[in-house]
Amino acid sequence: MALTRVINSGIGVAASIAGEATASTNLQQGLVKSWINFDGSVIDGSTNLTGVRDSFNIASSIDVTTGKHKANYTNPMANINYVAMVACGAVDDVESTRDEEIMQLTTALVKVHVYHTNDEAGRDEGYVGITVNGDLA
């Protein structure tokens, strides 16, 4: 059984967790700062994604064009040296070859591209998830 202990905990003090080998993780730096789970095929007739299932620290989400989506942060990132990850897939169990990439990172937003691997044509997939790790401003 893994043992953990909280270090430097208290009001106004950043807590850290130490594992078995005493390596520690700062909880404030180690948490996901923003995430969104949405259906990329559902928009409101303009550009607003209405298929958002759930999100955290996302002010708005926009369908830029087929397969390209943008998520604007509620609270901005401290700089552009953060990590964003995107995953996609069909929810109807239809097999297809698809890929995804991060197109743009700013302190205010992340823009992603979901496309068919064979011809790079954009795809509005039924499942798109984006997570962001880094420091908030």
Protein backbone atom coordinates (compact mmCIF):
# COMPACT_ATOMS: atom_id res chain seq x y z
CA MET A 1 0.00 0.00 0.00
CA ALA A 2 1.41 3.41 -1.00
CA LEU A 3 1.72 5.90 1.80
CA THR A 4 1.45 9.62 1.30
CA ARG A 5 1.81 12.54 3.63
CA VAL A 6 0.87 16.18 3.33
CA ILE A 7 3.75 18.61 3.85
CA ASN A 8 3.53 22.33 4.73
CA SER A 9 -0.23 22.28 5.03
CA GLY A 10 -1.97 25.15 6.70
CA ILE A 11 -3.99 28.23 5.92
CA GLY A 12 -2.40 30.20 3.10
CA VAL A 13 0.39 27.65 2.56
CA ALA A 14 0.65 25.56 -0.59
CA ALA A 15 0.31 21.89 0.30
CA SER A 16 2.58 19.22 -1.11
CA ILE A 17 2.14 15.46 -1.20
CA ALA A 18 5.09 13.15 -0.55
CA GLY A 19 5.01 9.58 -1.81
CA GLU A 20 6.74 6.44 -0.57
CA ALA A 21 10.13 7.48 -1.95
CA THR A 22 9.65 10.99 -0.48
CA ALA A 23 9.41 12.66 -3.89
CA SER A 24 6.92 15.48 -3.47
CA THR A 25 4.43 17.20 -5.74
CA ASN A 26 3.12 20.71 -5.23
CA LEU A 27 -0.66 20.35 -5.36
CA GLN A 28 -1.20 23.77 -6.91
CA GLN A 29 1.22 23.05 -9.76
CA GLY A 30 0.18 19.44 -10.21
CA LEU A 31 -3.52 19.97 -10.83
CA VAL A 32 -5.24 20.36 -14.20
CA LYS A 33 -5.94 24.07 -14.67
CA SER A 34 -8.58 23.76 -17.38
CA TRP A 35 -10.49 21.02 -19.19
CA ILE A 36 -13.46 20.55 -21.50
CA ASN A 37 -15.42 17.56 -22.83
CA PHE A 38 -17.67 18.30 -25.82
CA ASP A 39 -19.44 16.94 -28.89
CA GLY A 40 -17.66 18.65 -31.78
CA SER A 41 -20.57 18.10 -34.14
CA VAL A 42 -23.11 20.19 -32.18
CA ILE A 43 -23.14 23.94 -32.79
CA ASP A 44 -25.87 26.56 -32.43
CA GLY A 45 -26.05 27.61 -36.08
CA SER A 46 -23.25 30.15 -35.76
CA THR A 47 -19.99 29.19 -34.08
CA ASN A 48 -20.85 28.45 -30.45
CA LEU A 49 -20.38 24.83 -29.40
CA THR A 50 -23.56 23.74 -27.66
CA GLY A 51 -22.47 20.14 -27.22
CA VAL A 52 -20.34 20.88 -24.15
CA ARG A 53 -20.86 18.03 -21.70
CA ASP A 54 -18.78 19.53 -18.90
CA SER A 55 -15.84 21.85 -18.39
CA PHE A 56 -13.66 23.60 -15.86
CA ASN A 57 -12.13 27.09 -16.24
CA ILE A 58 -13.66 27.49 -19.72
CA ALA A 59 -15.49 30.76 -20.42
CA SER A 60 -16.62 29.84 -23.94
CA SER A 61 -16.02 27.30 -26.69
CA ILE A 62 -16.19 28.04 -30.39
CA ASP A 63 -16.44 25.92 -33.54
CA VAL A 64 -13.98 27.74 -35.82
CA THR A 65 -14.59 25.51 -38.84
CA THR A 66 -14.99 21.78 -39.51
CA GLY A 67 -12.66 20.00 -37.11
CA LYS A 68 -11.20 23.18 -35.62
CA HIS A 69 -12.33 24.23 -32.15
CA LYS A 70 -11.27 26.93 -29.71
CA ALA A 71 -11.72 27.04 -25.92
CA ASN A 72 -11.33 30.37 -24.10
CA TYR A 73 -10.17 30.24 -20.48
CA THR A 74 -12.12 31.91 -17.68
CA ASN A 75 -8.87 32.49 -15.77
CA PRO A 76 -5.85 32.95 -18.05
CA MET A 77 -2.60 31.03 -17.96
CA ALA A 78 0.53 32.78 -16.64
CA ASN A 79 2.42 32.34 -19.93
CA ILE A 80 2.38 30.18 -23.07
CA ASN A 81 4.81 27.61 -21.64
CA TYR A 82 2.07 25.21 -20.53
CA VAL A 83 0.93 21.82 -21.78
CA ALA A 84 -2.37 21.21 -23.52
CA MET A 85 -3.54 17.77 -24.62
CA VAL A 86 -6.43 16.83 -26.89
CA ALA A 87 -8.15 13.50 -27.49
CA CYS A 88 -10.97 12.71 -29.89
CA GLY A 89 -13.14 9.88 -31.04
CA ALA A 90 -16.47 8.92 -32.51
CA VAL A 91 -19.22 8.08 -30.04
CA ASP A 92 -21.08 5.89 -32.55
CA ASP A 93 -18.40 3.15 -32.66
CA VAL A 94 -17.66 3.86 -36.32
CA GLU A 95 -14.05 2.96 -37.03
CA SER A 96 -12.07 5.68 -38.76
CA THR A 97 -8.53 6.93 -38.79
CA ARG A 98 -8.40 10.29 -37.07
CA ASP A 99 -5.81 12.44 -35.41
CA GLU A 100 -5.71 15.64 -33.43
CA GLU A 101 -3.26 18.45 -32.83
CA ILE A 102 -2.87 21.62 -30.82
CA MET A 103 -2.91 24.52 -33.28
CA GLN A 104 -2.53 27.52 -31.00
CA LEU A 105 -1.73 28.25 -27.36
CA THR A 106 -2.10 31.70 -25.84
CA THR A 107 -2.59 32.77 -22.25
CA ALA A 108 -6.30 33.20 -23.04
CA LEU A 109 -7.17 30.15 -25.20
CA VAL A 110 -6.30 26.84 -26.81
CA LYS A 111 -7.21 25.97 -30.40
CA VAL A 112 -7.27 22.37 -31.64
CA HIS A 113 -7.63 20.57 -34.98
CA VAL A 114 -9.32 17.17 -35.32
CA TYR A 115 -8.83 15.62 -38.76
CA HIS A 116 -8.89 12.45 -40.85
CA THR A 117 -5.35 11.07 -41.01
CA ASN A 118 -5.57 9.96 -44.66
CA ASP A 119 -6.52 13.29 -46.22
CA GLU A 120 -6.21 15.76 -43.31
CA ALA A 121 -9.84 16.83 -43.83
CA GLY A 122 -11.33 18.32 -40.67
CA ARG A 123 -13.78 16.15 -38.72
CA ASP A 124 -16.39 17.21 -36.18
CA GLU A 125 -16.12 14.20 -33.89
CA GLY A 126 -18.67 13.22 -31.27
CA TYR A 127 -16.08 13.24 -28.50
CA VAL A 128 -13.37 15.87 -28.03
CA GLY A 129 -11.55 16.37 -24.76
CA ILE A 130 -8.91 19.00 -23.95
CA THR A 131 -6.88 19.28 -20.74
CA VAL A 132 -4.44 22.04 -19.75
CA ASN A 133 -1.61 21.84 -17.21
CA GLY A 134 0.56 24.78 -16.19
CA ASP A 135 0.47 27.90 -14.05
CA LEU A 136 -2.48 30.27 -13.88
CA ALA A 137 -1.83 34.00 -14.04
